[in-house]
Amino acid sequence: MHPNHVDLYAGLYGLALVPESFDLGHGAVISRTYAHFMAPFMMAFAPAPPRKPHPGPWKAAKGGIYIDITVELFFPAITSIQQLDRMNTVWWIVALMRLHANNAISVPIISSERFASIPAIEQEPHLWPMEIHTPRLFPEGSDARSMDIPELEWLRDNWYEAATLLSKEDFSLAFQAVDSSIWNHSPALGLVAVWGALESPFGVLLRAYSRPHMWN
C-alpha cells in the first residue's frame, strides 16, 4: 500500500483541539481522537539470519517513546498539492500549525485507517512513523496546548494556496530549516541552521546593505 494512493489519517501529538472537528477545506478534516503510540527499546544478542528476525532472547531496555495521539488529521486520496507528495503535504499542514499555533505539535504516526476504527477492523492497518524525534529545542509541558477556531480558520484559509510558495527553492529551504530547528538539541546549532537558510533568500539584500555606500 502506497500513501500516495489511499486516504491518510495523521495522528497529532501536543494538541488539544477546541472544536470536536473542523473542516480545513479540499477534503481535509481535523478532529479529536485517541491512540497511544509506543516504541519501547529492545535488544537482541545474536545476528539475524537473512530476511528473518533476530533470534531470542530479547531484552527490554529502559526508556523508549510513549506518545498520546489526541487529534486526527484526515487527508483524502482525492486531494493533492502539485508541489508535494501526500506525506509531505501532511508535514506542510502540521508545520503551518507549529508556525501559527505552537511548536509543541508533531505528527508521530500516519495511518491508513481512522484510529478509532482500528480495534474493530479485521484487516491490518498500514502505519507509517513520521516525526518521532526525541530532542526538542523548546521542551513542551505535560499538557497539550489548545488550538481554537480563529487559528483553525487561518489554517483553512492558507494551507492549500500557500503551498505554491514551496515551488520557490529559497523559500522552501528557509521554511524547512525554520521548522526543523525545533528538533535540534542545541539552540546555537538550531540558530546556525536557520540563519544559513535565511541567508539564501535575503542574502542579496544583506550583502547590498553591508557594502560601503558612496555618496556624491
N, C-alpha and C. Protein backbone atom coordinates (compact mmCIF):
# COMPACT_ATOMS: atom_id res chain seq x y z
N MET A 1 0.85 -1.19 0.00
CA MET A 1 0.00 0.00 0.00
C MET A 1 0.88 1.25 0.00
N HIS A 2 0.61 2.16 -0.92
CA HIS A 2 1.41 3.38 -1.03
C HIS A 2 0.62 4.56 -0.50
N PRO A 3 1.24 5.39 0.33
CA PRO A 3 0.49 6.51 0.93
C PRO A 3 0.00 7.54 -0.07
N ASN A 4 0.53 7.53 -1.28
CA ASN A 4 0.06 8.48 -2.28
C ASN A 4 -1.28 8.08 -2.89
N HIS A 5 -1.76 6.85 -2.59
CA HIS A 5 -2.94 6.34 -3.28
C HIS A 5 -4.10 6.02 -2.34
N VAL A 6 -3.97 6.33 -1.07
CA VAL A 6 -5.03 5.99 -0.12
C VAL A 6 -5.34 7.18 0.78
N ASP A 7 -6.50 7.11 1.42
CA ASP A 7 -6.81 8.11 2.46
C ASP A 7 -5.78 8.00 3.58
N LEU A 8 -5.39 9.15 4.13
CA LEU A 8 -4.42 9.17 5.22
C LEU A 8 -5.06 9.78 6.47
N TYR A 9 -4.69 9.22 7.60
CA TYR A 9 -5.14 9.72 8.90
C TYR A 9 -3.89 9.98 9.73
N ALA A 10 -3.55 11.25 9.87
CA ALA A 10 -2.33 11.63 10.59
C ALA A 10 -2.66 11.83 12.06
N GLY A 11 -1.93 11.14 12.92
CA GLY A 11 -2.12 11.28 14.36
C GLY A 11 -1.24 12.40 14.90
N LEU A 12 -1.86 13.37 15.56
CA LEU A 12 -1.14 14.54 16.06
C LEU A 12 -0.97 14.48 17.57
N TYR A 13 0.18 14.92 18.01
CA TYR A 13 0.55 14.95 19.43
C TYR A 13 0.79 16.40 19.86
N GLY A 14 0.53 16.68 21.13
CA GLY A 14 0.81 18.00 21.67
C GLY A 14 -0.26 19.02 21.37
N LEU A 15 -1.47 18.56 21.05
CA LEU A 15 -2.53 19.46 20.64
C LEU A 15 -3.85 19.07 21.28
N ALA A 16 -4.54 20.06 21.84
CA ALA A 16 -5.90 19.87 22.34
C ALA A 16 -6.83 20.68 21.45
N LEU A 17 -7.60 19.99 20.63
CA LEU A 17 -8.47 20.66 19.68
C LEU A 17 -9.72 21.15 20.40
N VAL A 18 -10.03 22.44 20.24
CA VAL A 18 -11.18 23.01 20.95
C VAL A 18 -12.50 22.53 20.35
N PRO A 19 -12.74 22.63 19.02
CA PRO A 19 -13.97 22.03 18.47
C PRO A 19 -13.81 20.52 18.34
N GLU A 20 -14.93 19.81 18.27
CA GLU A 20 -14.87 18.35 18.08
C GLU A 20 -14.23 18.01 16.74
N SER A 21 -14.55 18.78 15.71
CA SER A 21 -13.93 18.61 14.40
C SER A 21 -14.00 19.94 13.65
N PHE A 22 -13.18 20.05 12.60
CA PHE A 22 -13.15 21.29 11.83
C PHE A 22 -12.76 20.96 10.40
N ASP A 23 -13.51 21.50 9.44
CA ASP A 23 -13.28 21.28 8.01
C ASP A 23 -12.22 22.26 7.53
N LEU A 24 -11.09 21.73 7.06
CA LEU A 24 -9.99 22.56 6.58
C LEU A 24 -10.07 22.83 5.08
N GLY A 25 -11.09 22.32 4.43
CA GLY A 25 -11.24 22.54 3.00
C GLY A 25 -10.48 21.54 2.17
N HIS A 26 -10.89 21.39 0.90
CA HIS A 26 -10.26 20.47 -0.04
C HIS A 26 -10.29 19.02 0.48
N GLY A 27 -11.30 18.70 1.27
CA GLY A 27 -11.46 17.34 1.78
C GLY A 27 -10.77 17.06 3.09
N ALA A 28 -9.87 17.93 3.52
CA ALA A 28 -9.14 17.70 4.76
C ALA A 28 -10.01 18.08 5.97
N VAL A 29 -9.98 17.23 6.99
CA VAL A 29 -10.75 17.46 8.20
C VAL A 29 -9.87 17.13 9.40
N ILE A 30 -9.91 17.97 10.42
CA ILE A 30 -9.18 17.72 11.65
C ILE A 30 -10.19 17.48 12.77
N SER A 31 -9.95 16.46 13.60
CA SER A 31 -10.92 16.09 14.63
C SER A 31 -10.21 15.46 15.81
N ARG A 32 -10.94 15.34 16.92
CA ARG A 32 -10.39 14.71 18.11
C ARG A 32 -10.37 13.18 17.95
N THR A 33 -9.40 12.56 18.59
CA THR A 33 -9.34 11.10 18.62
C THR A 33 -8.46 10.71 19.81
N TYR A 34 -8.15 9.43 19.93
CA TYR A 34 -7.18 9.00 20.94
C TYR A 34 -6.50 7.71 20.47
N ALA A 35 -5.19 7.69 20.62
CA ALA A 35 -4.40 6.48 20.42
C ALA A 35 -3.10 6.67 21.20
N HIS A 36 -2.54 5.58 21.68
CA HIS A 36 -1.28 5.62 22.43
C HIS A 36 -0.21 4.98 21.58
N PHE A 37 0.78 5.78 21.19
CA PHE A 37 1.87 5.32 20.32
C PHE A 37 3.04 4.90 21.19
N MET A 38 3.49 3.65 21.05
CA MET A 38 4.55 3.11 21.90
C MET A 38 5.71 2.61 21.04
N ALA A 39 6.92 2.94 21.47
CA ALA A 39 8.11 2.45 20.79
C ALA A 39 9.15 2.10 21.84
N PRO A 40 8.99 0.97 22.52
CA PRO A 40 9.98 0.57 23.53
C PRO A 40 11.29 0.16 22.88
N PHE A 41 12.37 0.37 23.58
CA PHE A 41 13.68 -0.04 23.10
C PHE A 41 13.91 -1.50 23.46
N MET A 42 14.32 -2.30 22.46
CA MET A 42 14.59 -3.72 22.67
C MET A 42 16.00 -4.05 22.19
N MET A 43 16.57 -5.10 22.80
CA MET A 43 17.91 -5.55 22.40
C MET A 43 17.89 -7.04 22.13
N ALA A 44 18.57 -7.43 21.02
CA ALA A 44 18.82 -8.84 20.72
C ALA A 44 20.33 -9.05 20.78
N PHE A 45 20.75 -10.31 20.90
CA PHE A 45 22.17 -10.58 21.19
C PHE A 45 22.80 -11.57 20.23
N ALA A 46 22.15 -11.79 19.10
CA ALA A 46 22.71 -12.66 18.06
C ALA A 46 22.33 -12.10 16.70
N PRO A 47 23.18 -12.27 15.69
CA PRO A 47 22.86 -11.74 14.36
C PRO A 47 21.60 -12.40 13.79
N ALA A 48 20.88 -11.65 12.97
CA ALA A 48 19.67 -12.17 12.35
C ALA A 48 20.01 -12.95 11.09
N PRO A 49 19.40 -14.12 10.88
CA PRO A 49 19.55 -14.81 9.59
C PRO A 49 18.95 -13.95 8.48
N PRO A 50 19.34 -14.19 7.23
CA PRO A 50 18.81 -13.38 6.12
C PRO A 50 17.28 -13.38 6.09
N ARG A 51 16.70 -12.17 6.04
CA ARG A 51 15.26 -11.96 5.92
C ARG A 51 14.47 -12.56 7.08
N LYS A 52 15.12 -12.70 8.25
CA LYS A 52 14.44 -13.21 9.44
C LYS A 52 14.76 -12.31 10.63
N PRO A 53 13.92 -12.34 11.66
CA PRO A 53 14.20 -11.50 12.83
C PRO A 53 15.37 -12.06 13.64
N HIS A 54 15.90 -11.23 14.50
CA HIS A 54 16.96 -11.68 15.40
C HIS A 54 16.42 -12.76 16.34
N PRO A 55 17.18 -13.81 16.57
CA PRO A 55 16.70 -14.85 17.49
C PRO A 55 16.70 -14.36 18.93
N GLY A 56 15.87 -14.96 19.74
CA GLY A 56 15.80 -14.62 21.15
C GLY A 56 17.03 -15.11 21.89
N PRO A 57 17.16 -14.70 23.14
CA PRO A 57 16.19 -13.88 23.88
C PRO A 57 16.33 -12.40 23.53
N TRP A 58 15.21 -11.67 23.62
CA TRP A 58 15.21 -10.23 23.52
C TRP A 58 15.02 -9.66 24.92
N LYS A 59 15.64 -8.52 25.16
CA LYS A 59 15.51 -7.87 26.46
C LYS A 59 15.07 -6.41 26.26
N ALA A 60 14.18 -5.97 27.12
CA ALA A 60 13.72 -4.59 27.06
C ALA A 60 14.74 -3.68 27.73
N ALA A 61 15.04 -2.55 27.10
CA ALA A 61 15.90 -1.53 27.67
C ALA A 61 15.04 -0.43 28.28
N LYS A 62 15.59 0.25 29.24
CA LYS A 62 14.84 1.35 29.86
C LYS A 62 14.66 2.48 28.84
N GLY A 63 13.58 3.20 29.01
CA GLY A 63 13.31 4.31 28.11
C GLY A 63 12.40 3.90 26.96
N GLY A 64 12.43 4.68 25.91
CA GLY A 64 11.56 4.46 24.76
C GLY A 64 10.77 5.71 24.46
N ILE A 65 9.82 5.57 23.55
CA ILE A 65 8.97 6.69 23.16
C ILE A 65 7.52 6.31 23.45
N TYR A 66 6.82 7.16 24.17
CA TYR A 66 5.42 6.91 24.52
C TYR A 66 4.65 8.20 24.29
N ILE A 67 3.73 8.18 23.35
CA ILE A 67 3.08 9.41 22.90
C ILE A 67 1.58 9.21 22.84
N ASP A 68 0.83 10.15 23.39
CA ASP A 68 -0.62 10.13 23.28
C ASP A 68 -1.06 10.93 22.06
N ILE A 69 -1.71 10.25 21.12
CA ILE A 69 -2.30 10.90 19.96
C ILE A 69 -3.66 11.43 20.36
N THR A 70 -3.89 12.72 20.22
CA THR A 70 -5.16 13.32 20.66
C THR A 70 -5.97 13.92 19.52
N VAL A 71 -5.35 14.09 18.35
CA VAL A 71 -6.03 14.72 17.22
C VAL A 71 -5.70 13.95 15.95
N GLU A 72 -6.68 13.86 15.07
CA GLU A 72 -6.53 13.14 13.81
C GLU A 72 -6.76 14.10 12.65
N LEU A 73 -5.82 14.14 11.72
CA LEU A 73 -5.95 14.93 10.51
C LEU A 73 -6.25 13.99 9.35
N PHE A 74 -7.46 14.10 8.80
CA PHE A 74 -7.87 13.27 7.67
C PHE A 74 -7.49 13.98 6.37
N PHE A 75 -6.77 13.25 5.50
CA PHE A 75 -6.35 13.79 4.22
C PHE A 75 -6.76 12.79 3.14
N PRO A 76 -7.81 13.12 2.36
CA PRO A 76 -8.37 12.13 1.43
C PRO A 76 -7.47 11.87 0.23
N ALA A 77 -7.65 10.68 -0.36
CA ALA A 77 -6.83 10.27 -1.50
C ALA A 77 -7.05 11.16 -2.72
N ILE A 78 -8.20 11.82 -2.81
CA ILE A 78 -8.50 12.65 -3.98
C ILE A 78 -7.83 14.01 -3.92
N THR A 79 -7.23 14.36 -2.78
CA THR A 79 -6.62 15.68 -2.61
C THR A 79 -5.11 15.59 -2.74
N SER A 80 -4.55 16.49 -3.52
CA SER A 80 -3.09 16.53 -3.66
C SER A 80 -2.66 17.96 -3.92
N ILE A 81 -1.39 18.21 -3.70
CA ILE A 81 -0.78 19.51 -3.97
C ILE A 81 0.33 19.27 -4.98
N GLN A 82 0.41 20.12 -5.98
CA GLN A 82 1.37 19.90 -7.06
C GLN A 82 2.80 19.88 -6.55
N GLN A 83 3.11 20.69 -5.58
CA GLN A 83 4.50 20.84 -5.12
C GLN A 83 4.96 19.70 -4.22
N LEU A 84 4.03 18.89 -3.67
CA LEU A 84 4.39 17.92 -2.64
C LEU A 84 3.69 16.59 -2.87
N ASP A 85 4.35 15.50 -2.41
CA ASP A 85 3.61 14.25 -2.32
C ASP A 85 2.72 14.31 -1.09
N ARG A 86 1.93 13.26 -0.86
CA ARG A 86 0.89 13.35 0.17
C ARG A 86 1.46 13.32 1.58
N MET A 87 2.50 12.55 1.82
CA MET A 87 3.12 12.54 3.15
C MET A 87 3.69 13.92 3.49
N ASN A 88 4.34 14.54 2.50
CA ASN A 88 4.90 15.87 2.74
C ASN A 88 3.82 16.93 2.81
N THR A 89 2.66 16.69 2.21
CA THR A 89 1.54 17.62 2.38
C THR A 89 1.05 17.60 3.82
N VAL A 90 1.02 16.42 4.43
CA VAL A 90 0.68 16.33 5.85
C VAL A 90 1.71 17.12 6.66
N TRP A 91 2.99 16.92 6.35
CA TRP A 91 4.03 17.70 7.06
C TRP A 91 3.78 19.19 6.89
N TRP A 92 3.45 19.66 5.69
CA TRP A 92 3.24 21.08 5.41
C TRP A 92 2.11 21.65 6.28
N ILE A 93 1.00 20.91 6.36
CA ILE A 93 -0.12 21.39 7.17
C ILE A 93 0.28 21.48 8.64
N VAL A 94 0.94 20.45 9.14
CA VAL A 94 1.35 20.44 10.55
C VAL A 94 2.43 21.49 10.81
N ALA A 95 3.33 21.71 9.86
CA ALA A 95 4.35 22.74 10.02
C ALA A 95 3.72 24.12 10.11
N LEU A 96 2.66 24.36 9.35
CA LEU A 96 1.94 25.64 9.46
C LEU A 96 1.26 25.77 10.82
N MET A 97 0.77 24.66 11.35
CA MET A 97 0.19 24.67 12.69
C MET A 97 1.25 25.02 13.73
N ARG A 98 2.44 24.46 13.58
CA ARG A 98 3.52 24.80 14.50
C ARG A 98 3.90 26.27 14.39
N LEU A 99 3.91 26.79 13.17
CA LEU A 99 4.29 28.18 12.96
C LEU A 99 3.26 29.14 13.53
N HIS A 100 1.98 28.84 13.34
CA HIS A 100 0.94 29.79 13.70
C HIS A 100 0.38 29.57 15.11
N ALA A 101 0.35 28.30 15.55
CA ALA A 101 -0.29 28.00 16.84
C ALA A 101 0.75 27.76 17.93
N ASN A 102 1.49 26.65 17.86
CA ASN A 102 2.55 26.39 18.84
C ASN A 102 3.47 25.29 18.34
N ASN A 103 4.72 25.34 18.83
CA ASN A 103 5.73 24.41 18.33
C ASN A 103 5.66 23.04 18.98
N ALA A 104 4.69 22.82 19.89
CA ALA A 104 4.58 21.52 20.56
C ALA A 104 3.92 20.47 19.67
N ILE A 105 3.28 20.88 18.58
CA ILE A 105 2.54 19.95 17.74
C ILE A 105 3.50 19.11 16.90
N SER A 106 3.23 17.83 16.82
CA SER A 106 4.00 16.95 15.93
C SER A 106 3.09 15.85 15.41
N VAL A 107 3.54 15.15 14.36
CA VAL A 107 2.77 14.06 13.78
C VAL A 107 3.64 12.80 13.79
N PRO A 108 3.59 12.04 14.89
CA PRO A 108 4.46 10.86 15.01
C PRO A 108 4.07 9.70 14.10
N ILE A 109 2.80 9.61 13.72
CA ILE A 109 2.33 8.43 13.01
C ILE A 109 1.24 8.80 12.03
N ILE A 110 1.22 8.11 10.88
CA ILE A 110 0.16 8.26 9.90
C ILE A 110 -0.43 6.88 9.63
N SER A 111 -1.74 6.79 9.59
CA SER A 111 -2.45 5.53 9.46
C SER A 111 -3.27 5.52 8.17
N SER A 112 -3.51 4.30 7.66
CA SER A 112 -4.41 4.13 6.52
C SER A 112 -5.86 4.01 6.97
N GLU A 113 -6.10 3.96 8.29
CA GLU A 113 -7.45 3.81 8.84
C GLU A 113 -7.65 4.82 9.96
N ARG A 114 -8.92 5.16 10.21
CA ARG A 114 -9.23 6.01 11.35
C ARG A 114 -8.74 5.32 12.63
N PHE A 115 -8.13 6.07 13.52
CA PHE A 115 -7.59 5.47 14.73
C PHE A 115 -8.70 4.83 15.57
N ALA A 116 -9.86 5.46 15.63
CA ALA A 116 -10.95 4.93 16.43
C ALA A 116 -11.49 3.62 15.87
N SER A 117 -11.32 3.38 14.57
CA SER A 117 -11.88 2.18 13.95
C SER A 117 -10.92 1.00 13.96
N ILE A 118 -9.64 1.24 14.22
CA ILE A 118 -8.63 0.18 14.10
C ILE A 118 -8.91 -1.02 15.03
N PRO A 119 -9.32 -0.83 16.29
CA PRO A 119 -9.55 -2.01 17.14
C PRO A 119 -10.63 -2.96 16.62
N ALA A 120 -11.56 -2.47 15.82
CA ALA A 120 -12.70 -3.29 15.40
C ALA A 120 -12.54 -3.89 14.00
N ILE A 121 -11.57 -3.44 13.22
CA ILE A 121 -11.47 -3.93 11.85
C ILE A 121 -10.63 -5.20 11.78
N GLU A 122 -10.89 -6.03 10.76
CA GLU A 122 -10.19 -7.29 10.61
C GLU A 122 -8.85 -7.13 9.90
N GLN A 123 -8.80 -6.25 8.89
CA GLN A 123 -7.56 -6.08 8.15
C GLN A 123 -6.55 -5.27 8.96
N GLU A 124 -5.29 -5.55 8.71
CA GLU A 124 -4.23 -4.83 9.41
C GLU A 124 -4.08 -3.43 8.81
N PRO A 125 -4.05 -2.40 9.63
CA PRO A 125 -3.82 -1.06 9.10
C PRO A 125 -2.37 -0.87 8.70
N HIS A 126 -2.12 0.01 7.78
CA HIS A 126 -0.76 0.42 7.47
C HIS A 126 -0.44 1.65 8.33
N LEU A 127 0.65 1.57 9.07
CA LEU A 127 1.05 2.65 9.98
C LEU A 127 2.45 3.11 9.59
N TRP A 128 2.56 4.38 9.23
CA TRP A 128 3.84 4.94 8.82
C TRP A 128 4.37 5.89 9.89
N PRO A 129 5.47 5.56 10.58
CA PRO A 129 6.06 6.51 11.53
C PRO A 129 6.56 7.75 10.78
N MET A 130 6.45 8.90 11.43
CA MET A 130 6.87 10.14 10.77
C MET A 130 7.78 10.94 11.69
N GLU A 131 7.24 11.83 12.49
CA GLU A 131 8.07 12.68 13.34
C GLU A 131 8.21 12.01 14.72
N ILE A 132 9.25 11.22 14.84
CA ILE A 132 9.48 10.52 16.11
C ILE A 132 10.82 10.96 16.72
N HIS A 133 11.20 12.22 16.45
CA HIS A 133 12.44 12.77 17.02
C HIS A 133 12.31 12.86 18.54
N THR A 134 13.39 12.58 19.23
CA THR A 134 13.36 12.72 20.69
C THR A 134 13.86 14.07 21.20
N PRO A 135 14.92 14.67 20.62
CA PRO A 135 15.30 16.00 21.12
C PRO A 135 14.25 17.03 20.70
N ARG A 136 14.09 18.06 21.51
CA ARG A 136 13.23 19.18 21.15
C ARG A 136 13.83 20.43 21.75
N LEU A 137 14.05 21.43 20.89
CA LEU A 137 14.73 22.64 21.33
C LEU A 137 13.93 23.38 22.39
N PHE A 138 12.60 23.39 22.25
CA PHE A 138 11.74 24.05 23.22
C PHE A 138 10.85 22.98 23.86
N PRO A 139 11.29 22.36 24.94
CA PRO A 139 10.50 21.26 25.51
C PRO A 139 9.10 21.72 25.87
N GLU A 140 8.11 20.92 25.44
CA GLU A 140 6.73 21.26 25.75
C GLU A 140 6.38 20.80 27.16
N GLY A 141 5.34 21.36 27.72
CA GLY A 141 4.88 20.95 29.04
C GLY A 141 4.11 19.65 28.95
N SER A 142 3.62 19.20 30.08
CA SER A 142 2.91 17.92 30.11
C SER A 142 1.51 18.03 29.51
N ASP A 143 0.96 19.25 29.46
CA ASP A 143 -0.39 19.43 28.93
C ASP A 143 -0.33 19.86 27.47
N ALA A 144 -1.20 19.27 26.65
CA ALA A 144 -1.29 19.68 25.26
C ALA A 144 -1.85 21.09 25.17
N ARG A 145 -1.39 21.83 24.19
CA ARG A 145 -1.83 23.21 24.02
C ARG A 145 -3.02 23.25 23.07
N SER A 146 -3.95 24.14 23.33
CA SER A 146 -5.19 24.17 22.57
C SER A 146 -5.03 24.94 21.27
N MET A 147 -5.86 24.56 20.29
CA MET A 147 -5.95 25.26 19.02
C MET A 147 -7.42 25.56 18.80
N ASP A 148 -7.75 26.86 18.76
CA ASP A 148 -9.14 27.28 18.75
C ASP A 148 -9.58 27.66 17.33
N ILE A 149 -10.85 28.07 17.21
CA ILE A 149 -11.46 28.35 15.93
C ILE A 149 -10.68 29.38 15.10
N PRO A 150 -10.28 30.53 15.64
CA PRO A 150 -9.55 31.51 14.81
C PRO A 150 -8.28 30.94 14.19
N GLU A 151 -7.52 30.14 14.94
CA GLU A 151 -6.30 29.55 14.40
C GLU A 151 -6.61 28.52 13.32
N LEU A 152 -7.67 27.74 13.54
CA LEU A 152 -8.08 26.76 12.54
C LEU A 152 -8.59 27.44 11.27
N GLU A 153 -9.27 28.55 11.42
CA GLU A 153 -9.73 29.30 10.25
C GLU A 153 -8.55 29.84 9.45
N TRP A 154 -7.52 30.32 10.14
CA TRP A 154 -6.31 30.77 9.45
C TRP A 154 -5.69 29.63 8.67
N LEU A 155 -5.61 28.45 9.29
CA LEU A 155 -5.05 27.28 8.61
C LEU A 155 -5.88 26.91 7.39
N ARG A 156 -7.20 26.90 7.54
CA ARG A 156 -8.10 26.57 6.43
C ARG A 156 -7.92 27.54 5.26
N ASP A 157 -7.73 28.81 5.57
CA ASP A 157 -7.66 29.83 4.53
C ASP A 157 -6.31 29.87 3.82
N ASN A 158 -5.29 29.21 4.38
CA ASN A 158 -3.94 29.40 3.84
C ASN A 158 -3.22 28.14 3.39
N TRP A 159 -3.52 26.96 3.95
CA TRP A 159 -2.63 25.82 3.72
C TRP A 159 -2.56 25.41 2.25
N TYR A 160 -3.66 25.46 1.53
CA TYR A 160 -3.67 24.96 0.16
C TYR A 160 -3.00 25.94 -0.80
N GLU A 161 -3.43 27.19 -0.76
CA GLU A 161 -2.88 28.18 -1.69
C GLU A 161 -1.43 28.53 -1.37
N ALA A 162 -1.09 28.58 -0.08
CA ALA A 162 0.27 28.97 0.30
C ALA A 162 1.31 27.94 -0.12
N ALA A 163 0.88 26.72 -0.42
CA ALA A 163 1.83 25.68 -0.81
C ALA A 163 2.54 26.02 -2.11
N THR A 164 1.99 26.93 -2.92
CA THR A 164 2.67 27.34 -4.15
C THR A 164 4.01 27.99 -3.86
N LEU A 165 4.17 28.55 -2.64
CA LEU A 165 5.45 29.16 -2.27
C LEU A 165 6.57 28.14 -2.23
N LEU A 166 6.22 26.87 -2.00
CA LEU A 166 7.25 25.84 -1.90
C LEU A 166 7.92 25.54 -3.24
N SER A 167 7.33 26.03 -4.33
CA SER A 167 7.98 25.87 -5.64
C SER A 167 9.19 26.78 -5.77
N LYS A 168 9.30 27.77 -4.89
CA LYS A 168 10.47 28.66 -4.86
C LYS A 168 11.51 28.04 -3.94
N GLU A 169 12.63 27.66 -4.51
CA GLU A 169 13.63 26.88 -3.78
C GLU A 169 14.13 27.59 -2.53
N ASP A 170 14.37 28.90 -2.63
CA ASP A 170 14.89 29.64 -1.48
C ASP A 170 13.89 29.64 -0.33
N PHE A 171 12.61 29.87 -0.66
CA PHE A 171 11.59 29.86 0.40
C PHE A 171 11.46 28.48 1.00
N SER A 172 11.43 27.45 0.16
CA SER A 172 11.27 26.08 0.65
C SER A 172 12.39 25.70 1.61
N LEU A 173 13.62 26.03 1.25
CA LEU A 173 14.76 25.73 2.11
C LEU A 173 14.67 26.46 3.43
N ALA A 174 14.32 27.76 3.36
CA ALA A 174 14.24 28.55 4.58
C ALA A 174 13.13 28.05 5.49
N PHE A 175 11.98 27.74 4.92
CA PHE A 175 10.85 27.27 5.73
C PHE A 175 11.18 25.94 6.40
N GLN A 176 11.77 25.01 5.64
CA GLN A 176 12.13 23.72 6.22
C GLN A 176 13.16 23.87 7.33
N ALA A 177 14.10 24.78 7.16
CA ALA A 177 15.13 24.99 8.19
C ALA A 177 14.51 25.54 9.46
N VAL A 178 13.61 26.52 9.32
CA VAL A 178 12.96 27.08 10.49
C VAL A 178 12.13 26.02 11.21
N ASP A 179 11.38 25.23 10.43
CA ASP A 179 10.52 24.22 11.05
C ASP A 179 11.34 23.12 11.71
N SER A 180 12.39 22.66 11.05
CA SER A 180 13.17 21.55 11.61
C SER A 180 14.07 21.97 12.76
N SER A 181 14.27 23.28 12.96
CA SER A 181 15.16 23.73 14.02
C SER A 181 14.65 23.34 15.41
N ILE A 182 13.35 23.10 15.55
CA ILE A 182 12.82 22.76 16.87
C ILE A 182 13.28 21.38 17.32
N TRP A 183 13.75 20.54 16.38
CA TRP A 183 14.20 19.19 16.76
C TRP A 183 15.67 19.18 17.15
N ASN A 184 16.32 20.31 17.13
CA ASN A 184 17.74 20.37 17.45
C ASN A 184 17.93 20.39 18.96
N HIS A 185 18.93 19.67 19.45
CA HIS A 185 19.18 19.65 20.90
C HIS A 185 19.95 20.88 21.37
N SER A 186 20.50 21.65 20.43
CA SER A 186 21.33 22.81 20.78
C SER A 186 20.73 24.08 20.20
N PRO A 187 20.42 25.09 21.03
CA PRO A 187 19.93 26.36 20.49
C PRO A 187 20.91 27.00 19.51
N ALA A 188 22.21 26.90 19.79
CA ALA A 188 23.21 27.52 18.92
C ALA A 188 23.20 26.87 17.54
N LEU A 189 23.16 25.53 17.49
CA LEU A 189 23.15 24.84 16.20
C LEU A 189 21.84 25.08 15.46
N GLY A 190 20.73 25.15 16.20
CA GLY A 190 19.46 25.47 15.57
C GLY A 190 19.49 26.85 14.94
N LEU A 191 20.07 27.82 15.63
CA LEU A 191 20.17 29.18 15.11
C LEU A 191 21.05 29.23 13.87
N VAL A 192 22.15 28.47 13.87
CA VAL A 192 23.04 28.44 12.71
C VAL A 192 22.30 27.90 11.49
N ALA A 193 21.51 26.84 11.68
CA ALA A 193 20.76 26.25 10.57
C ALA A 193 19.75 27.24 10.02
N VAL A 194 19.04 27.93 10.91
CA VAL A 194 18.03 28.91 10.47
C VAL A 194 18.71 30.07 9.76
N TRP A 195 19.79 30.58 10.32
CA TRP A 195 20.46 31.72 9.72
C TRP A 195 21.02 31.35 8.34
N GLY A 196 21.57 30.15 8.21
CA GLY A 196 22.09 29.73 6.91
C GLY A 196 21.00 29.64 5.86
N ALA A 197 19.82 29.16 6.25
CA ALA A 197 18.72 29.06 5.30
C ALA A 197 18.17 30.43 4.94
N LEU A 198 18.09 31.34 5.92
CA LEU A 198 17.57 32.67 5.64
C LEU A 198 18.54 33.49 4.80
N GLU A 199 19.82 33.15 4.85
CA GLU A 199 20.80 33.90 4.07
C GLU A 199 20.56 33.74 2.58
N SER A 200 19.99 32.60 2.17
CA SER A 200 19.80 32.36 0.75
C SER A 200 18.79 33.32 0.12
N PRO A 201 17.54 33.42 0.64
CA PRO A 201 16.61 34.36 0.01
C PRO A 201 16.91 35.83 0.29
N PHE A 202 17.52 36.11 1.44
CA PHE A 202 17.77 37.51 1.81
C PHE A 202 19.23 37.91 1.65
N GLY A 203 20.06 36.98 1.18
CA GLY A 203 21.48 37.26 1.10
C GLY A 203 21.84 38.42 0.20
N VAL A 204 21.12 38.56 -0.92
CA VAL A 204 21.42 39.65 -1.85
C VAL A 204 21.20 41.00 -1.18
N LEU A 205 20.08 41.13 -0.46
CA LEU A 205 19.81 42.39 0.23
C LEU A 205 20.81 42.64 1.34
N LEU A 206 21.14 41.57 2.10
CA LEU A 206 22.08 41.75 3.20
C LEU A 206 23.44 42.17 2.70
N ARG A 207 23.89 41.56 1.59
CA ARG A 207 25.19 41.93 1.06
C ARG A 207 25.17 43.35 0.50
N ALA A 208 24.05 43.73 -0.10
CA ALA A 208 23.97 45.07 -0.68
C ALA A 208 24.05 46.14 0.41
N TYR A 209 23.34 45.91 1.52
CA TYR A 209 23.33 46.92 2.59
C TYR A 209 24.58 46.86 3.45
N SER A 210 25.35 45.79 3.35
CA SER A 210 26.57 45.70 4.15
C SER A 210 27.75 46.38 3.47
N ARG A 211 27.64 46.66 2.13
CA ARG A 211 28.73 47.32 1.43
C ARG A 211 28.75 48.81 1.76
N PRO A 212 29.94 49.42 1.74
CA PRO A 212 30.01 50.88 1.94
C PRO A 212 29.31 51.62 0.81
N HIS A 213 28.58 52.65 1.12
CA HIS A 213 27.90 53.45 0.11
C HIS A 213 28.71 54.67 -0.24
N MET A 214 28.79 54.97 -1.54
CA MET A 214 29.49 56.16 -1.98
C MET A 214 28.46 57.28 -2.22
N TRP A 215 28.64 58.36 -1.55
CA TRP A 215 27.70 59.48 -1.68
C TRP A 215 28.35 60.61 -2.45
N ASN A 216 27.59 61.16 -3.36
CA ASN A 216 28.09 62.32 -4.12
C ASN A 216 27.93 63.61 -3.30
